[in-house]
């Protein structure tokens, strides 16, 4: 059999890809790109930063930017077509998060931009000596011995789990694993593991056996019907809804975490509609997957 052809090499170096992405994100979302942005972000000189912008314009996005003498920088054209990004606000938010994280850790770095501020959630306890063996067990499909404390049993107890996936819910880290004590798949919060996990025998349960992980669930969110028509239209625009509905498809095991991220509490039907603003319209499909209907972890 003939040997397969080697994959075509990626045409750009990684550092150039990151610079081009910053060019697009800054120009699109802040409306003004200068060489200073590249100089501060990558520690390069003005000549190199100018070369990067000119190369981007010459080889990748010739119609994306135009120099504005009044702004003293480049601004996006009305026909801006991103080549290295998706052109969504989350990319700008991610960049701001990175800036804020670096600025908090390295105060001497001038990475913050004016007129923007990002609130970072408090860091949850997660130790490398906990995460490393858990990830290794996931990769190698092994059992892990741990000492674990839960809300049901706050005193650490011995457990044997068979993990398959580490998840960050937006607020905390947990691992999805088969619990040999309870004979079902559960979520184990990594900060509640008190000892260093010990990898032992091969696992028998995998992600393919986890029904809640394999089941696809569509969460349908709509403006709270108790709001006025004008208020509902405003909320729909806030969330980018189509025909008054935002559909988020996820795994059954992650439904509760998605709703927690969105601050949607199905039990607050009696609270003022202005407080939550959106509700789940297909609760019959989502309720069975809520953590309130599952055993405590």
Protein backbone atom coordinates (compact mmCIF):
# COMPACT_ATOMS: atom_id res chain seq x y z
CA UNK A 1 0.00 0.00 0.00
CA UNK A 2 1.35 3.44 -0.92
CA UNK A 3 2.47 5.67 1.90
CA UNK A 4 0.03 8.51 2.63
CA UNK A 5 1.11 11.96 1.57
CA UNK A 6 2.41 14.12 4.41
CA UNK A 7 0.05 16.84 5.56
CA UNK A 8 0.64 20.22 4.00
CA UNK A 9 2.55 22.46 6.43
CA UNK A 10 0.64 25.34 7.98
CA UNK A 11 1.67 28.39 5.91
CA UNK A 12 2.12 30.70 8.91
CA UNK A 13 4.32 30.60 11.96
CA UNK A 14 2.43 30.47 15.23
CA UNK A 15 3.67 33.90 16.34
CA UNK A 16 2.47 35.50 13.10
CA UNK A 17 -0.92 33.84 13.43
CA UNK A 18 -1.32 35.37 16.90
CA UNK A 19 -0.30 38.79 15.64
CA UNK A 20 -2.76 38.67 12.75
CA UNK A 21 -5.51 37.61 15.11
CA UNK A 22 -4.75 40.59 17.35
CA UNK A 23 -4.80 42.89 14.33
CA UNK A 24 -8.30 41.74 13.46
CA UNK A 25 -9.69 41.72 17.01
CA UNK A 26 -8.37 45.18 17.93
CA UNK A 27 -9.36 46.85 14.68
CA UNK A 28 -12.82 45.28 14.55
CA UNK A 29 -13.86 45.76 18.17
CA UNK A 30 -11.94 48.88 19.23
CA UNK A 31 -12.05 50.62 15.85
CA UNK A 32 -8.44 51.79 15.97
CA UNK A 33 -5.30 49.74 15.45
CA UNK A 34 -1.78 51.15 15.88
CA UNK A 35 1.68 49.66 15.96
CA UNK A 36 1.63 50.22 19.73
CA UNK A 37 -0.90 47.41 20.11
CA UNK A 38 1.47 44.89 18.57
CA UNK A 39 4.52 46.33 20.29
CA UNK A 40 2.99 46.02 23.77
CA UNK A 41 1.40 42.63 23.17
CA UNK A 42 4.42 40.89 21.66
CA UNK A 43 7.41 42.91 22.79
CA UNK A 44 8.47 43.79 19.25
CA UNK A 45 9.82 47.00 17.77
CA UNK A 46 7.83 49.55 15.82
CA UNK A 47 9.44 48.53 12.53
CA UNK A 48 8.42 44.89 12.98
CA UNK A 49 4.90 45.89 14.06
CA UNK A 50 4.49 48.08 10.98
CA UNK A 51 5.78 45.24 8.80
CA UNK A 52 3.22 42.85 10.31
CA UNK A 53 0.34 45.21 9.55
CA UNK A 54 1.54 45.83 6.01
CA UNK A 55 2.04 42.11 5.37
CA UNK A 56 -1.44 41.38 6.71
CA UNK A 57 -2.89 43.96 4.34
CA UNK A 58 -0.84 42.84 1.35
CA UNK A 59 -1.25 39.08 1.67
CA UNK A 60 -4.39 38.35 3.69
CA UNK A 61 -6.89 41.17 4.18
CA UNK A 62 -6.21 43.88 1.59
CA UNK A 63 -9.71 45.35 1.91
CA UNK A 64 -10.10 45.01 5.67
CA UNK A 65 -8.30 48.07 7.02
CA UNK A 66 -7.83 51.67 6.00
CA UNK A 67 -5.54 54.23 7.60
CA UNK A 68 -7.35 57.15 9.20
CA UNK A 69 -5.17 60.24 9.69
CA UNK A 70 -7.62 61.74 12.16
CA UNK A 71 -7.51 58.60 14.35
CA UNK A 72 -3.77 58.17 13.67
CA UNK A 73 -4.36 54.48 13.17
CA UNK A 74 -6.09 51.84 11.07
CA UNK A 75 -9.84 51.33 11.23
CA UNK A 76 -11.96 48.49 9.78
CA UNK A 77 -13.65 49.05 6.45
CA UNK A 78 -17.36 48.53 5.93
CA UNK A 79 -16.51 45.34 4.02
CA UNK A 80 -14.29 43.93 6.78
CA UNK A 81 -14.02 40.15 6.33
CA UNK A 82 -12.01 38.40 9.09
CA UNK A 83 -9.45 35.87 7.91
CA UNK A 84 -7.94 34.70 11.20
CA UNK A 85 -10.89 35.17 13.56
CA UNK A 86 -14.62 34.55 13.53
CA UNK A 87 -15.52 38.18 14.12
CA UNK A 88 -17.45 37.45 17.33
CA UNK A 89 -17.37 39.43 20.58
CA UNK A 90 -16.14 36.44 22.60
CA UNK A 91 -12.76 36.78 20.88
CA UNK A 92 -12.44 40.34 22.17
CA UNK A 93 -13.57 39.23 25.63
CA UNK A 94 -10.99 36.44 25.65
CA UNK A 95 -8.27 38.92 24.73
CA UNK A 96 -9.34 41.25 27.55
CA UNK A 97 -9.33 38.34 30.00
CA UNK A 98 -5.78 37.49 28.96
CA UNK A 99 -4.68 41.11 29.36
CA UNK A 100 -6.20 41.35 32.82
CA UNK A 101 -4.71 38.06 33.94
CA UNK A 102 -1.23 39.10 32.78
CA UNK A 103 -1.57 42.55 34.31
CA UNK A 104 -2.52 41.06 37.69
CA UNK A 105 0.43 38.65 37.63
CA UNK A 106 3.08 40.89 36.08
CA UNK A 107 2.46 44.46 37.21
CA UNK A 108 5.37 45.82 35.18
CA UNK A 109 3.74 44.73 31.91
CA UNK A 110 1.86 47.49 30.08
CA UNK A 111 -0.79 45.22 28.60
CA UNK A 112 -3.96 46.89 29.83
CA UNK A 113 -5.82 49.11 27.39
CA UNK A 114 -7.70 52.22 28.38
CA UNK A 115 -11.50 52.26 28.69
CA UNK A 116 -11.93 48.52 29.26
CA UNK A 117 -12.19 46.53 32.47
CA UNK A 118 -12.75 42.81 32.98
CA UNK A 119 -14.02 41.20 36.19
CA UNK A 120 -12.27 37.87 36.74
CA UNK A 121 -14.00 35.23 38.92
CA UNK A 122 -12.08 34.15 42.02
CA UNK A 123 -9.66 31.32 41.29
CA UNK A 124 -10.82 27.96 42.63
CA UNK A 125 -8.38 25.68 44.39
CA UNK A 126 -6.78 23.34 41.88
CA UNK A 127 -3.38 21.81 42.48
CA UNK A 128 -1.16 20.42 39.72
CA UNK A 129 -0.57 17.22 41.70
CA UNK A 130 -4.33 16.62 41.58
CA UNK A 131 -4.99 17.49 37.95
CA UNK A 132 -1.99 15.71 36.41
CA UNK A 133 -2.84 12.14 37.49
CA UNK A 134 -6.54 12.69 36.78
CA UNK A 135 -5.78 13.76 33.21
CA UNK A 136 -3.35 10.88 32.82
CA UNK A 137 -6.01 8.42 33.98
CA UNK A 138 -8.47 9.91 31.48
CA UNK A 139 -5.98 9.49 28.65
CA UNK A 140 -4.93 5.98 29.59
CA UNK A 141 -8.37 4.77 30.75
CA UNK A 142 -7.22 3.85 34.26
CA UNK A 143 -8.83 3.69 37.67
CA UNK A 144 -7.85 6.28 40.28
CA UNK A 145 -7.84 5.99 44.07
CA UNK A 146 -8.74 9.26 45.81
CA UNK A 147 -9.82 10.69 49.15
CA UNK A 148 -12.90 12.79 48.49
CA UNK A 149 -15.15 15.08 50.52
CA UNK A 150 -18.64 15.95 49.29
CA UNK A 151 -21.61 17.90 50.62
CA UNK A 152 -23.23 14.61 51.58
CA UNK A 153 -20.04 13.39 53.27
CA UNK A 154 -17.86 16.37 54.27
CA UNK A 155 -15.26 14.12 55.91
CA UNK A 156 -12.84 12.76 53.27
CA UNK A 157 -13.48 9.14 52.36
CA UNK A 158 -11.76 6.62 50.15
CA UNK A 159 -13.13 6.34 46.62
CA UNK A 160 -12.17 4.53 43.45
CA UNK A 161 -13.23 6.34 40.29
CA UNK A 162 -12.88 5.74 36.57
CA UNK A 163 -12.55 9.21 35.00
CA UNK A 164 -13.07 10.08 31.35
CA UNK A 165 -13.24 13.90 31.04
CA UNK A 166 -12.12 16.97 33.01
CA UNK A 167 -14.61 19.84 32.79
CA UNK A 168 -14.38 23.54 33.67
CA UNK A 169 -17.91 24.83 34.20
CA UNK A 170 -16.91 28.48 34.12
CA UNK A 171 -16.62 28.61 37.91
CA UNK A 172 -15.00 25.38 39.03
CA UNK A 173 -13.17 22.26 37.84
CA UNK A 174 -14.61 18.78 38.06
CA UNK A 175 -14.01 15.39 36.53
CA UNK A 176 -16.71 13.20 35.06
CA UNK A 177 -16.11 9.68 36.30
CA UNK A 178 -17.66 6.33 37.13
CA UNK A 179 -17.95 5.99 40.92
CA UNK A 180 -17.38 2.41 42.03
CA UNK A 181 -18.98 3.08 45.42
CA UNK A 182 -22.29 4.29 43.95
CA UNK A 183 -22.13 2.39 40.64
CA UNK A 184 -22.95 5.38 38.47
CA UNK A 185 -21.33 8.30 36.68
CA UNK A 186 -20.86 11.41 38.81
CA UNK A 187 -19.08 14.77 38.84
CA UNK A 188 -16.19 15.03 41.30
CA UNK A 189 -15.04 18.56 42.16
CA UNK A 190 -11.25 18.54 41.90
CA UNK A 191 -10.72 20.94 44.82
CA UNK A 192 -12.44 18.40 47.10
CA UNK A 193 -9.85 15.71 46.44
CA UNK A 194 -7.61 15.90 49.51
CA UNK A 195 -4.82 13.50 48.63
CA UNK A 196 -2.70 12.92 45.55
CA UNK A 197 -4.68 10.59 43.26
CA UNK A 198 -3.07 7.21 42.69
CA UNK A 199 -3.47 5.59 39.29
CA UNK A 200 -4.16 1.88 39.58
CA UNK A 201 -5.82 -0.78 37.40
CA UNK A 202 -7.29 -0.31 33.91
CA UNK A 203 -10.81 1.12 33.86
CA UNK A 204 -13.83 -0.77 32.62
CA UNK A 205 -16.13 2.24 32.15
CA UNK A 206 -15.50 4.91 29.51
CA UNK A 207 -17.27 7.97 28.16
CA UNK A 208 -19.15 5.69 25.76
CA UNK A 209 -20.89 4.09 28.77
CA UNK A 210 -21.95 7.43 30.25
CA UNK A 211 -25.53 7.95 29.03
CA UNK A 212 -25.78 11.50 30.43
CA UNK A 213 -22.54 12.40 28.67
CA UNK A 214 -23.60 10.89 25.35
CA UNK A 215 -27.13 12.34 25.34
CA UNK A 216 -27.54 15.59 23.41
CA UNK A 217 -29.94 18.09 24.98
CA UNK A 218 -31.19 21.30 23.40
CA UNK A 219 -31.84 24.06 25.95
CA UNK A 220 -34.37 26.55 24.57
CA UNK A 221 -34.29 29.96 26.24
CA UNK A 222 -36.90 32.67 25.72
CA UNK A 223 -37.61 36.06 27.32
CA UNK A 224 -39.70 35.74 30.45
CA UNK A 225 -43.31 35.92 29.14
CA UNK A 226 -44.27 38.10 32.11
CA UNK A 227 -42.22 40.94 30.62
CA UNK A 228 -43.90 43.45 28.34
CA UNK A 229 -43.61 42.94 24.59
CA UNK A 230 -41.07 45.75 24.32
CA UNK A 231 -39.04 44.31 27.20
CA UNK A 232 -39.09 40.85 25.61
CA UNK A 233 -37.80 42.26 22.33
CA UNK A 234 -35.00 44.01 24.21
CA UNK A 235 -33.99 40.80 26.02
CA UNK A 236 -34.12 38.82 22.77
CA UNK A 237 -31.72 41.30 21.21
CA UNK A 238 -29.42 41.13 24.25
CA UNK A 239 -29.04 37.37 23.81
CA UNK A 240 -28.97 37.30 20.02
CA UNK A 241 -32.14 35.23 19.84
CA UNK A 242 -33.65 34.16 16.54
CA UNK A 243 -37.45 34.32 16.38
CA UNK A 244 -37.47 34.96 20.12
CA UNK A 245 -35.52 31.80 21.04
CA UNK A 246 -31.92 31.00 21.90
CA UNK A 247 -31.10 27.30 21.52
CA UNK A 248 -28.00 25.92 23.22
CA UNK A 249 -27.11 22.32 22.51
CA UNK A 250 -25.05 20.54 25.14
CA UNK A 251 -24.59 17.21 26.88
CA UNK A 252 -27.15 16.04 29.40
CA UNK A 253 -24.45 15.97 32.07
CA UNK A 254 -23.71 19.67 31.47
CA UNK A 255 -27.24 21.14 31.38
CA UNK A 256 -27.12 22.38 34.98
CA UNK A 257 -23.77 24.07 34.46
CA UNK A 258 -24.99 25.91 31.35
CA UNK A 259 -27.99 27.23 33.28
CA UNK A 260 -25.74 28.25 36.18
CA UNK A 261 -23.51 30.20 33.79
CA UNK A 262 -26.58 32.01 32.46
CA UNK A 263 -27.93 32.50 35.99
CA UNK A 264 -31.14 30.76 35.04
CA UNK A 265 -32.78 29.18 38.06
CA UNK A 266 -35.81 27.05 37.12
CA UNK A 267 -37.10 27.31 40.70
CA UNK A 268 -37.52 31.13 40.69
CA UNK A 269 -40.86 31.28 38.89
CA UNK A 270 -42.21 33.56 41.63
CA UNK A 271 -39.32 36.04 41.47
CA UNK A 272 -39.75 39.32 39.53
CA UNK A 273 -39.30 38.75 35.78
CA UNK A 274 -36.81 41.64 35.62
CA UNK A 275 -34.42 39.68 37.87
CA UNK A 276 -33.73 36.73 35.57
CA UNK A 277 -35.23 37.98 32.28
CA UNK A 278 -34.95 34.62 30.47
CA UNK A 279 -36.55 31.24 31.15
CA UNK A 280 -36.28 27.72 29.79
CA UNK A 281 -39.19 26.99 27.47
CA UNK A 282 -38.64 23.21 27.16
CA UNK A 283 -38.37 22.25 30.82
CA UNK A 284 -39.71 18.76 30.14
CA UNK A 285 -36.53 18.04 28.19
CA UNK A 286 -34.11 19.81 30.57
CA UNK A 287 -35.48 19.10 34.06
CA UNK A 288 -34.36 15.44 34.15
CA UNK A 289 -30.75 16.62 33.75
CA UNK A 290 -30.70 19.18 36.57
CA UNK A 291 -28.31 18.46 39.43
CA UNK A 292 -31.21 18.90 41.87
CA UNK A 293 -32.62 15.68 40.46
CA UNK A 294 -29.33 13.81 40.77
CA UNK A 295 -27.39 12.43 43.78
CA UNK A 296 -25.13 14.82 45.66
CA UNK A 297 -21.50 14.79 44.61
